[in-house]
Protein backbone atom coordinates (compact mmCIF):
# COMPACT_ATOMS: atom_id res chain seq x y z
CA MET A 1 104.10 128.22 71.17
CA THR A 2 107.67 130.05 72.01
CA GLU A 3 110.54 129.86 69.52
CA ALA A 4 112.34 126.51 69.52
CA ILE A 5 115.49 126.24 71.33
CA GLU A 6 118.64 124.94 69.85
CA TYR A 7 120.94 122.20 71.60
CA ASP A 8 123.56 119.62 70.14
CA VAL A 9 121.72 116.89 71.77
CA VAL A 10 118.09 116.33 73.15
CA VAL A 11 117.45 113.64 75.46
CA LEU A 12 113.78 112.61 76.13
CA GLY A 13 113.56 111.20 80.02
CA ALA A 14 115.97 112.03 83.21
CA GLY A 15 116.50 108.75 84.57
CA PRO A 16 120.17 107.20 85.44
CA VAL A 17 120.50 106.27 81.51
CA GLY A 18 119.20 109.70 80.19
CA GLU A 19 121.64 111.39 82.85
CA ASN A 20 124.63 109.78 81.85
CA VAL A 21 124.31 110.35 78.03
CA ALA A 22 123.62 114.04 78.86
CA ASP A 23 126.83 114.01 81.28
CA ARG A 24 128.83 112.23 78.09
CA VAL A 25 127.96 114.77 75.71
CA ARG A 26 128.63 117.50 77.51
CA ALA A 27 132.21 116.16 78.71
CA ALA A 28 132.56 116.09 75.05
CA GLY A 29 132.03 119.39 74.65
CA LEU A 30 128.25 119.49 73.52
CA SER A 31 125.59 121.27 74.72
CA ALA A 32 122.80 119.23 75.96
CA ALA A 33 118.80 119.66 77.37
CA ILE A 34 117.21 116.63 78.89
CA VAL A 35 113.29 116.06 79.47
CA GLU A 36 111.68 114.82 81.91
CA SER A 37 107.79 114.20 82.86
CA GLU A 38 108.24 112.94 86.67
CA LEU A 39 111.25 112.82 88.72
CA VAL A 40 114.63 113.32 87.87
CA GLY A 41 116.11 110.03 88.72
CA GLY A 42 113.74 107.98 87.34
CA GLU A 43 112.58 104.34 87.99
CA CYS A 44 115.49 103.20 89.63
CA SER A 45 115.78 105.91 92.21
CA TYR A 46 112.59 106.39 93.42
CA TRP A 47 110.47 102.86 92.82
CA ALA A 48 112.91 100.14 91.88
CA CYS A 49 116.86 99.72 92.50
CA MET A 50 117.18 101.71 95.27
CA PRO A 51 113.94 101.33 97.53
CA SER A 52 113.85 97.67 96.92
CA LYS A 53 117.52 96.99 97.87
CA ALA A 54 116.81 99.36 100.91
CA LEU A 55 113.89 96.92 101.82
CA LEU A 56 115.89 93.78 101.32
CA ARG A 57 118.90 94.93 103.11
CA PRO A 58 117.85 93.94 106.77
CA VAL A 59 115.99 90.85 105.49
CA ILE A 60 119.17 89.69 104.10
CA ALA A 61 121.25 90.40 106.93
CA ARG A 62 118.90 88.97 109.46
CA ALA A 63 118.78 85.73 107.61
CA GLU A 64 122.38 85.31 107.30
CA ALA A 65 123.17 86.68 111.09
CA ARG A 66 121.03 83.66 112.11
CA ARG A 67 123.32 81.08 110.81
CA VAL A 68 126.23 83.10 112.93
CA PRO A 69 127.14 81.15 115.95
CA GLY A 70 127.01 83.26 118.85
CA LEU A 71 124.94 86.17 117.00
CA SER A 72 122.00 83.72 115.98
CA PRO A 73 120.20 84.36 119.41
CA SER A 74 120.01 88.09 119.27
CA VAL A 75 118.56 88.10 116.12
CA GLN A 76 115.44 85.70 116.14
CA GLY A 77 113.11 88.56 116.57
CA PRO A 78 110.78 90.26 113.79
CA LEU A 79 112.20 93.38 112.03
CA ASP A 80 111.61 96.67 112.69
CA VAL A 81 109.29 97.11 109.93
CA PRO A 82 108.68 100.92 110.64
CA ALA A 83 112.28 101.60 110.77
CA VAL A 84 112.85 99.48 107.76
CA LEU A 85 110.12 101.74 105.74
CA ALA A 86 111.46 104.99 107.19
CA HIS A 87 114.94 103.85 105.70
CA ARG A 88 113.90 102.68 102.48
CA ASP A 89 112.28 106.46 102.37
CA GLU A 90 115.59 108.17 103.21
CA TYR A 91 117.02 106.10 99.77
CA THR A 92 114.19 107.69 97.93
CA SER A 93 114.68 110.80 98.99
CA HIS A 94 111.30 111.09 100.56
CA TRP A 95 110.53 111.00 96.35
CA LYS A 96 111.81 114.26 96.03
CA ASP A 97 114.40 115.05 93.13
CA ASP A 98 116.36 118.19 94.56
CA GLY A 99 119.36 116.43 94.60
CA GLN A 100 119.61 114.97 91.13
CA VAL A 101 118.18 118.27 89.72
CA ALA A 102 121.18 119.66 91.48
CA TRP A 103 123.65 116.91 90.24
CA LEU A 104 122.36 117.42 86.71
CA GLU A 105 122.59 121.14 86.62
CA SER A 106 126.12 120.75 87.92
CA THR A 107 126.93 119.45 84.72
CA GLY A 108 125.62 121.95 82.79
CA THR A 109 122.72 119.91 81.27
CA VAL A 110 119.55 122.30 81.00
CA LEU A 111 116.26 120.45 82.15
CA HIS A 112 112.70 120.89 80.53
CA ARG A 113 110.17 119.45 82.79
CA GLY A 114 106.88 118.52 81.16
CA HIS A 115 106.00 115.07 78.15
CA GLY A 116 108.92 115.18 75.35
CA ARG A 117 107.60 114.19 72.06
CA LEU A 118 109.37 113.87 68.86
CA ASP A 119 108.24 116.33 66.34
CA GLY A 120 110.27 115.38 63.03
CA GLU A 121 113.55 114.86 62.53
CA LYS A 122 115.85 116.79 65.29
CA ARG A 123 112.83 118.12 67.00
CA VAL A 124 111.01 117.52 69.91
CA THR A 125 108.08 119.18 71.72
CA VAL A 126 107.59 119.52 75.60
CA THR A 127 104.17 120.15 77.09
CA ASP A 128 104.53 121.41 80.88
CA PRO A 129 102.33 120.61 83.73
CA GLU A 130 100.48 123.52 82.99
CA GLY A 131 100.08 123.08 79.12
CA GLY A 132 102.25 125.12 77.77
CA VAL A 133 104.65 124.00 74.78
CA GLN A 134 108.19 124.37 74.37
CA VAL A 135 110.06 123.58 71.01
CA LEU A 136 113.30 121.98 71.06
CA THR A 137 115.35 121.13 67.89
CA ALA A 138 118.92 119.37 68.27
CA ARG A 139 122.17 120.02 65.94
CA HIS A 140 123.47 116.64 66.26
CA ALA A 141 121.01 114.02 67.93
CA VAL A 142 118.19 112.91 70.05
CA ALA A 143 118.48 110.42 72.52
CA VAL A 144 115.34 108.64 73.81
CA CYS A 145 115.95 107.11 77.36
CA THR A 146 112.17 106.66 78.08
CA GLY A 147 112.65 103.16 79.71
CA THR A 148 109.84 100.95 80.45
CA SER A 149 106.51 100.25 82.86
CA ALA A 150 105.24 97.30 84.05
CA ILE A 151 102.92 95.01 82.24
CA VAL A 152 99.58 94.15 83.71
CA PRO A 153 97.87 91.33 82.13
CA ASP A 154 94.00 91.94 80.83
CA LEU A 155 92.38 89.33 83.39
CA PRO A 156 88.96 89.75 84.00
CA GLY A 157 88.01 91.97 87.07
CA LEU A 158 91.89 93.19 87.45
CA ALA A 159 91.34 96.43 86.51
CA GLY A 160 88.98 97.56 89.21
CA ALA A 161 91.13 95.45 91.78
CA LYS A 162 93.88 97.93 92.17
CA PRO A 163 96.61 95.37 91.73
CA TRP A 164 100.42 96.56 92.89
CA THR A 165 103.10 96.85 90.43
CA SER A 166 106.58 97.28 91.27
CA ARG A 167 106.08 100.85 92.15
CA GLU A 168 103.50 99.85 94.99
CA ALA A 169 105.33 97.30 96.18
CA THR A 170 108.51 99.50 96.57
CA SER A 171 106.80 102.38 97.97
CA SER A 172 103.91 101.00 100.29
CA ARG A 173 103.70 102.55 103.81
CA SER A 174 102.05 99.67 105.39
CA VAL A 175 103.17 95.69 105.24
CA PRO A 176 100.11 93.49 104.27
CA ASP A 177 99.08 90.56 106.16
CA ARG A 178 98.57 88.28 103.22
CA LEU A 179 100.01 89.27 100.03
CA VAL A 180 100.36 87.15 96.34
CA VAL A 181 103.02 87.48 93.97
CA VAL A 182 102.15 86.59 90.79
CA GLY A 183 105.61 86.24 88.53
CA GLY A 184 108.45 84.53 89.38
CA GLY A 185 110.90 86.86 87.96
CA VAL A 186 113.11 89.46 89.54
CA VAL A 187 110.84 91.77 90.78
CA GLY A 188 108.65 88.96 91.96
CA VAL A 189 110.91 87.04 93.62
CA GLU A 190 112.52 89.99 95.64
CA MET A 191 109.61 91.11 96.74
CA ALA A 192 108.35 88.08 98.17
CA THR A 193 111.75 87.88 99.91
CA ALA A 194 110.85 91.30 101.06
CA TYR A 195 107.50 90.98 102.49
CA GLN A 196 107.90 87.24 103.49
CA GLY A 197 110.90 88.50 106.07
CA PHE A 198 108.06 91.57 107.33
CA GLY A 199 105.95 89.09 108.19
CA SER A 200 103.47 89.15 105.28
CA ASP A 201 101.96 85.32 104.63
CA VAL A 202 103.54 85.40 100.73
CA THR A 203 102.00 82.96 98.32
CA LEU A 204 104.11 83.07 95.25
CA LEU A 205 102.44 82.39 91.66
CA VAL A 206 104.19 80.89 88.95
CA ARG A 207 103.61 80.02 85.36
CA GLY A 208 106.68 77.99 84.60
CA ASP A 209 108.15 75.44 86.11
CA GLY A 210 110.43 77.43 88.65
CA LEU A 211 111.85 80.59 89.17
CA LEU A 212 114.30 83.28 87.55
CA PRO A 213 113.95 81.26 84.64
CA ARG A 214 116.85 83.07 82.59
CA MET A 215 119.63 82.17 84.76
CA GLU A 216 120.77 78.47 85.47
CA PRO A 217 118.14 76.20 86.69
CA PHE A 218 120.04 75.48 90.45
CA VAL A 219 119.83 78.81 90.92
CA GLY A 220 115.41 79.27 91.25
CA GLU A 221 115.76 76.16 93.01
CA LEU A 222 117.68 77.24 96.15
CA VAL A 223 116.02 80.51 96.19
CA ALA A 224 112.60 78.46 96.11
CA ASP A 225 113.74 76.20 98.81
CA SER A 226 115.20 79.07 100.67
CA LEU A 227 111.58 81.05 100.33
CA THR A 228 109.57 77.98 101.23
CA GLU A 229 111.51 77.42 104.53
CA ALA A 230 111.17 80.90 105.54
CA GLY A 231 107.18 80.35 105.09
CA ALA A 232 106.13 81.09 101.85
CA SER A 233 103.93 79.37 99.62
CA VAL A 234 106.16 78.78 96.17
CA ARG A 235 103.08 77.32 93.45
CA THR A 236 104.83 77.06 89.98
CA GLY A 237 103.05 76.02 87.11
CA VAL A 238 99.67 77.86 87.71
CA SER A 239 98.51 80.82 86.31
CA ALA A 240 96.07 83.44 87.40
CA ALA A 241 92.73 83.51 85.56
CA SER A 242 90.88 86.63 87.30
CA VAL A 243 90.56 88.66 90.26
CA GLU A 244 87.83 89.55 92.24
CA ARG A 245 88.07 92.83 94.60
CA ASP A 246 84.68 94.50 95.58
CA GLY A 247 84.90 98.18 95.15
CA GLY A 248 88.79 98.11 94.58
CA SER A 249 89.07 97.81 98.59
CA GLY A 250 89.32 94.83 101.04
CA PRO A 251 90.56 91.58 100.38
CA VAL A 252 91.36 90.30 97.04
CA THR A 253 90.80 87.17 95.87
CA VAL A 254 92.92 85.70 92.72
CA VAL A 255 91.28 82.60 90.82
CA LEU A 256 93.37 80.35 89.23
CA ASP A 257 93.36 78.46 85.94
CA ASN A 258 92.55 75.38 87.76
CA GLY A 259 89.36 76.81 89.98
CA GLU A 260 91.64 77.60 92.93
CA ARG A 261 90.62 80.57 95.19
CA ILE A 262 93.22 82.30 97.12
CA GLU A 263 92.63 85.39 99.12
CA ALA A 264 94.81 87.93 100.06
CA ASP A 265 95.17 91.72 101.17
CA GLU A 266 97.13 92.94 98.23
CA ILE A 267 97.89 91.39 94.99
CA LEU A 268 101.44 92.31 93.39
CA PHE A 269 101.60 91.42 89.39
CA ALA A 270 105.45 91.11 88.29
CA THR A 271 104.85 90.14 85.10
CA GLY A 272 107.31 91.69 82.30
CA ARG A 273 108.02 95.54 81.30
CA ALA A 274 106.89 97.51 78.01
CA PRO A 275 108.80 100.18 76.56
CA ARG A 276 107.51 104.01 77.64
CA THR A 277 107.43 104.54 73.57
CA SER A 278 103.34 104.79 73.39
CA ASP A 279 103.26 108.51 73.23
CA ILE A 280 106.37 109.79 72.29
CA GLY A 281 106.27 110.99 68.68
CA LEU A 282 108.03 107.88 67.07
CA ASP A 283 105.32 107.78 64.36
CA THR A 284 106.61 111.63 63.15
CA VAL A 285 109.91 110.06 62.14
CA GLY A 286 108.43 107.18 60.43
CA LEU A 287 108.72 104.60 63.47
CA LYS A 288 106.47 102.46 65.62
CA ALA A 289 105.79 102.37 69.22
CA GLY A 290 107.59 99.70 70.66
CA TRP A 291 110.96 98.34 71.14
CA LEU A 292 113.43 100.27 69.54
CA THR A 293 116.20 98.56 67.34
CA VAL A 294 119.78 99.99 67.76
CA ASP A 295 122.94 98.78 66.62
CA ASP A 296 126.20 98.71 68.75
CA SER A 297 126.40 102.55 69.30
CA CYS A 298 123.08 102.59 70.58
CA ARG A 299 121.88 104.57 67.06
CA VAL A 300 118.25 103.59 65.79
CA GLU A 301 118.65 101.55 63.07
CA GLY A 302 118.17 103.25 59.72
CA SER A 303 118.79 106.59 61.28
CA ASP A 304 121.70 109.07 61.75
CA TRP A 305 120.70 111.43 64.32
CA LEU A 306 117.99 108.97 66.95
CA TYR A 307 119.35 106.98 69.45
CA GLY A 308 117.27 104.26 71.86
CA VAL A 309 119.24 103.95 75.35
CA GLY A 310 118.74 101.77 77.71
CA ASP A 311 115.80 99.93 78.55
CA VAL A 312 113.83 101.02 75.49
CA ASN A 313 116.26 99.00 73.04
CA HIS A 314 115.16 95.86 75.16
CA ARG A 315 119.15 94.62 74.92
CA ALA A 316 119.46 94.53 78.68
CA LEU A 317 117.03 95.67 81.26
CA LEU A 318 119.25 97.00 83.99
CA THR A 319 119.96 99.80 85.38
CA HIS A 320 123.74 99.42 85.32
CA GLN A 321 123.52 98.19 81.54
CA GLY A 322 121.86 101.05 80.90
CA LYS A 323 124.18 103.35 82.10
CA TYR A 324 127.05 101.77 80.32
CA GLN A 325 125.18 102.07 76.80
CA ALA A 326 124.61 105.73 78.00
CA ARG A 327 128.55 106.08 78.14
CA ILE A 328 128.83 104.15 74.51
CA ALA A 329 126.16 106.34 73.00
CA GLY A 330 127.65 109.27 74.24
CA ALA A 331 130.83 108.94 73.43
CA ALA A 332 129.57 107.70 69.79
CA ILE A 333 127.70 111.12 69.45
CA GLY A 334 130.13 113.19 70.60
CA ALA A 335 132.44 111.14 67.96
CA ARG A 336 130.20 111.63 65.35
CA ALA A 337 129.50 115.50 66.40
CA GLN A 338 133.28 115.90 65.80
CA GLY A 339 133.72 114.23 62.43
CA VAL A 340 136.21 111.21 64.29
CA PRO A 341 135.46 108.28 62.72
CA LEU A 342 134.23 105.80 65.38
CA LEU A 343 135.91 102.85 66.51
CA GLU A 344 133.59 100.49 64.85
CA SER A 345 136.06 97.45 63.93
CA ASP A 346 137.14 97.62 67.30
CA ARG A 347 134.93 94.75 69.23
CA TRP A 348 135.38 96.15 72.55
CA GLY A 349 136.36 99.66 71.49
CA ALA A 350 134.72 103.36 73.00
CA HIS A 351 131.82 103.01 70.64
CA ALA A 352 130.66 99.82 70.63
CA ALA A 353 128.00 98.31 73.60
CA THR A 354 129.61 94.40 73.17
CA ALA A 355 128.90 93.62 76.98
CA ASP A 356 125.21 93.58 76.10
CA HIS A 357 125.88 90.34 74.08
CA ALA A 358 128.94 89.17 75.75
CA ALA A 359 128.72 90.09 79.37
CA VAL A 360 125.73 91.61 81.17
CA PRO A 361 126.04 91.12 85.08
CA GLN A 362 123.00 90.94 87.46
CA VAL A 363 122.73 90.24 90.92
CA VAL A 364 119.29 89.06 92.17
CA PHE A 365 118.95 90.08 95.94
CA THR A 366 116.86 87.16 97.40
CA GLU A 367 118.22 85.06 100.21
CA PRO A 368 120.52 83.62 98.91
CA GLU A 369 121.74 86.06 96.76
CA ALA A 370 122.02 84.55 92.72
CA ALA A 371 124.43 86.42 90.53
CA SER A 372 125.67 85.72 87.20
CA VAL A 373 127.43 87.12 83.89
CA GLY A 374 127.61 86.32 79.98
CA LEU A 375 125.82 82.90 78.80
CA SER A 376 124.36 80.58 80.92
CA LEU A 377 125.10 76.65 79.86
CA LYS A 378 121.68 76.61 77.76
CA GLU A 379 122.33 80.08 76.19
CA ALA A 380 126.13 79.33 75.19
CA GLU A 381 125.23 76.20 73.28
CA GLN A 382 122.25 77.67 71.33
CA ALA A 383 124.74 80.64 70.39
CA GLY A 384 126.90 77.53 68.89
CA HIS A 385 129.60 77.59 71.21
CA ARG A 386 131.71 74.10 71.95
CA VAL A 387 131.69 74.41 76.20
CA ARG A 388 131.45 72.65 79.15
CA ALA A 389 129.95 73.49 82.47
CA VAL A 390 132.03 73.33 85.62
CA ASP A 391 130.21 73.22 88.65
CA TYR A 392 131.39 73.42 92.44
CA GLU A 393 129.48 73.51 95.46
CA ILE A 394 130.52 77.17 97.34
CA GLY A 395 129.65 75.19 101.07
CA ASN A 396 132.70 73.37 100.55
CA VAL A 397 134.83 76.69 100.46
CA ALA A 398 136.78 77.56 103.83
CA GLY A 399 135.42 81.14 103.66
CA ALA A 400 131.87 79.70 103.10
CA SER A 401 131.78 77.87 106.02
CA LEU A 402 133.36 80.94 108.44
CA TYR A 403 130.41 82.99 106.72
CA ALA A 404 127.79 81.30 107.97
CA GLU A 405 126.86 77.36 109.18
CA GLY A 406 125.02 75.49 106.74
CA TYR A 407 126.30 77.72 104.17
CA ARG A 408 124.42 76.56 101.09
CA GLY A 409 125.61 77.71 97.48
CA ARG A 410 126.75 76.68 93.68
CA ALA A 411 129.03 78.13 91.36
CA ARG A 412 129.06 77.44 87.71
CA MET A 413 131.62 78.28 85.12
CA ILE A 414 130.82 78.10 81.19
CA VAL A 415 134.07 77.15 79.34
CA ASP A 416 134.61 77.63 75.86
CA LEU A 417 136.38 74.42 75.26
CA ASP A 418 138.11 75.97 71.41
CA SER A 419 139.17 78.95 72.91
CA GLU A 420 139.93 78.37 76.66
CA ILE A 421 138.03 81.36 77.70
CA LEU A 422 134.76 81.46 80.42
CA ARG A 423 131.27 82.55 78.40
CA GLY A 424 129.71 82.86 81.42
CA VAL A 425 129.86 82.30 85.43
CA THR A 426 126.84 81.88 87.92
CA PHE A 427 126.62 82.03 91.82
CA VAL A 428 124.02 81.42 94.28
CA GLY A 429 124.83 81.56 97.69
CA PRO A 430 124.93 84.07 100.82
CA GLY A 431 127.28 86.64 99.73
CA VAL A 432 127.95 86.13 96.09
CA GLY A 433 126.85 89.40 95.07
CA GLU A 434 130.27 90.87 95.70
CA LEU A 435 131.89 87.82 94.04
CA LEU A 436 130.48 88.80 90.64
CA HIS A 437 132.66 91.79 89.47
CA SER A 438 135.59 89.46 89.47
CA ALA A 439 133.51 86.99 87.20
CA THR A 440 132.36 90.54 84.68
CA VAL A 441 136.07 91.13 84.41
CA ALA A 442 137.12 87.43 83.30
CA VAL A 443 134.28 87.46 80.87
CA ALA A 444 134.36 90.68 79.72
CA GLY A 445 138.27 90.38 79.77
CA GLU A 446 138.36 87.17 77.80
CA VAL A 447 140.95 86.01 80.19
CA PRO A 448 142.01 82.73 79.29
CA ILE A 449 141.66 79.92 81.78
CA SER A 450 145.48 79.57 82.06
CA ARG A 451 145.91 83.09 83.46
CA LEU A 452 143.37 82.55 85.79
CA TRP A 453 145.46 80.10 87.67
CA HIS A 454 147.97 83.31 88.72
CA ALA A 455 144.86 84.92 89.92
CA VAL A 456 145.38 83.80 93.51
CA PRO A 457 142.11 83.87 95.52
CA SER A 458 143.07 85.46 99.25
CA TYR A 459 142.49 82.30 102.12
CA PRO A 460 140.15 82.16 103.77
CA THR A 461 137.77 83.95 101.67
CA ILE A 462 134.66 82.62 99.12
CA SER A 463 136.52 83.61 96.30
CA GLU A 464 138.76 80.43 96.68
CA VAL A 465 135.57 79.11 94.91
CA TRP A 466 137.44 80.38 91.66
CA LEU A 467 140.76 78.01 92.72
CA ARG A 468 138.54 74.75 93.25
CA LEU A 469 136.52 75.73 89.67
CA LEU A 470 139.50 75.78 88.07
CA GLU A 471 140.36 72.53 89.98
CA ALA A 472 137.55 70.95 88.52
CA TYR A 473 138.02 72.17 85.21
CA ARG A 474 141.26 70.38 85.30
CA ASP A 475 140.42 67.27 86.84
CA ALA A 476 137.51 66.71 84.59
């Protein structure tokens, strides 16, 4: 073991969150090291956001083009799946991280390859692939940005069946003729959408009574209808009881809790995420493996030097939200290192990740798209707000009818009746993902309804739905 190397800040995990923490503390004039055991760029770059959206884009574009007069006859055939997969490979940089490493080094951050573990206060050991050990110490902070991994349930026969998780689904070199997807959350519905579009016979198994349960109920209903119309089988209220696959190859059979058997060529389990904290030495600083509980500056409760940023704190398991937290945490680490008082009294200040509670945006890239920010009606009521849900059919807007024939979609805004600001907004429909940032600005900015009347939507765009929502609220 060589002599310890000292930095101002040590970051565990070089995904988007860790990269942004390192970049922010470097911008504050602090030295930083980052430790990564896999690829610099993390889950998002190679097995999640980027490859999944590269797979989904042609599926969604074709579906929308089929509803455009004059264009529809040209796009009735199958997709060029090899070209789609090749495009996906380009977006993952063929699972090489040279470009990400170059960017990281351009920030002045030092990269240590290997498995990082805490070894007491402000101390990290890094075991490289050859078994060598390097010790890093931090003058000010250690940030845990190790993210999450897919949960695979403990079902009889599953361990030997070689099931897909999100990683296999987004990196597969081929398309199975038959695919069973277990789980109705974001990963489940996005991958069901992609592989159905590629020509797979998709069966989606959902334990609950609908898809995308964290969004407004009508969202999951529209997405389920669309998947069904595309040829997928959407089964709700069912659970997988066991899985059979001889020798881990060939057809796979899932046995449902009602005894029904479904055979496929691959099975994808999209049943949640778990924090990657089981082997990072949390016990050496008096903590247990699991989700890290943090304050709004992302500092771990009970510590004055340890931060948990991104998915590991379970506040909002989204890349963009983790990067937001990283900017907040980096600013807080820099301020504390320089003895500058934090703006803790400022709810929307530079050192508080307030959007984690009030304004989390998310787009689900299904067909139709689903997008939401802030609270659903149920969440707002549970939080004790006196609210009203205001709905409008997006297809009634002129811009929507121009976008696609038979446009189906819905918008909802949750209005706080006491303050007359928006607590949440939800859209579902083709192309609505690009509407979401306007809603995010309105919710995060706590823009009064009276001021929103002066935000004039261009005609004829789908954004005119904002005016219709305001009119519906006024006339209710």
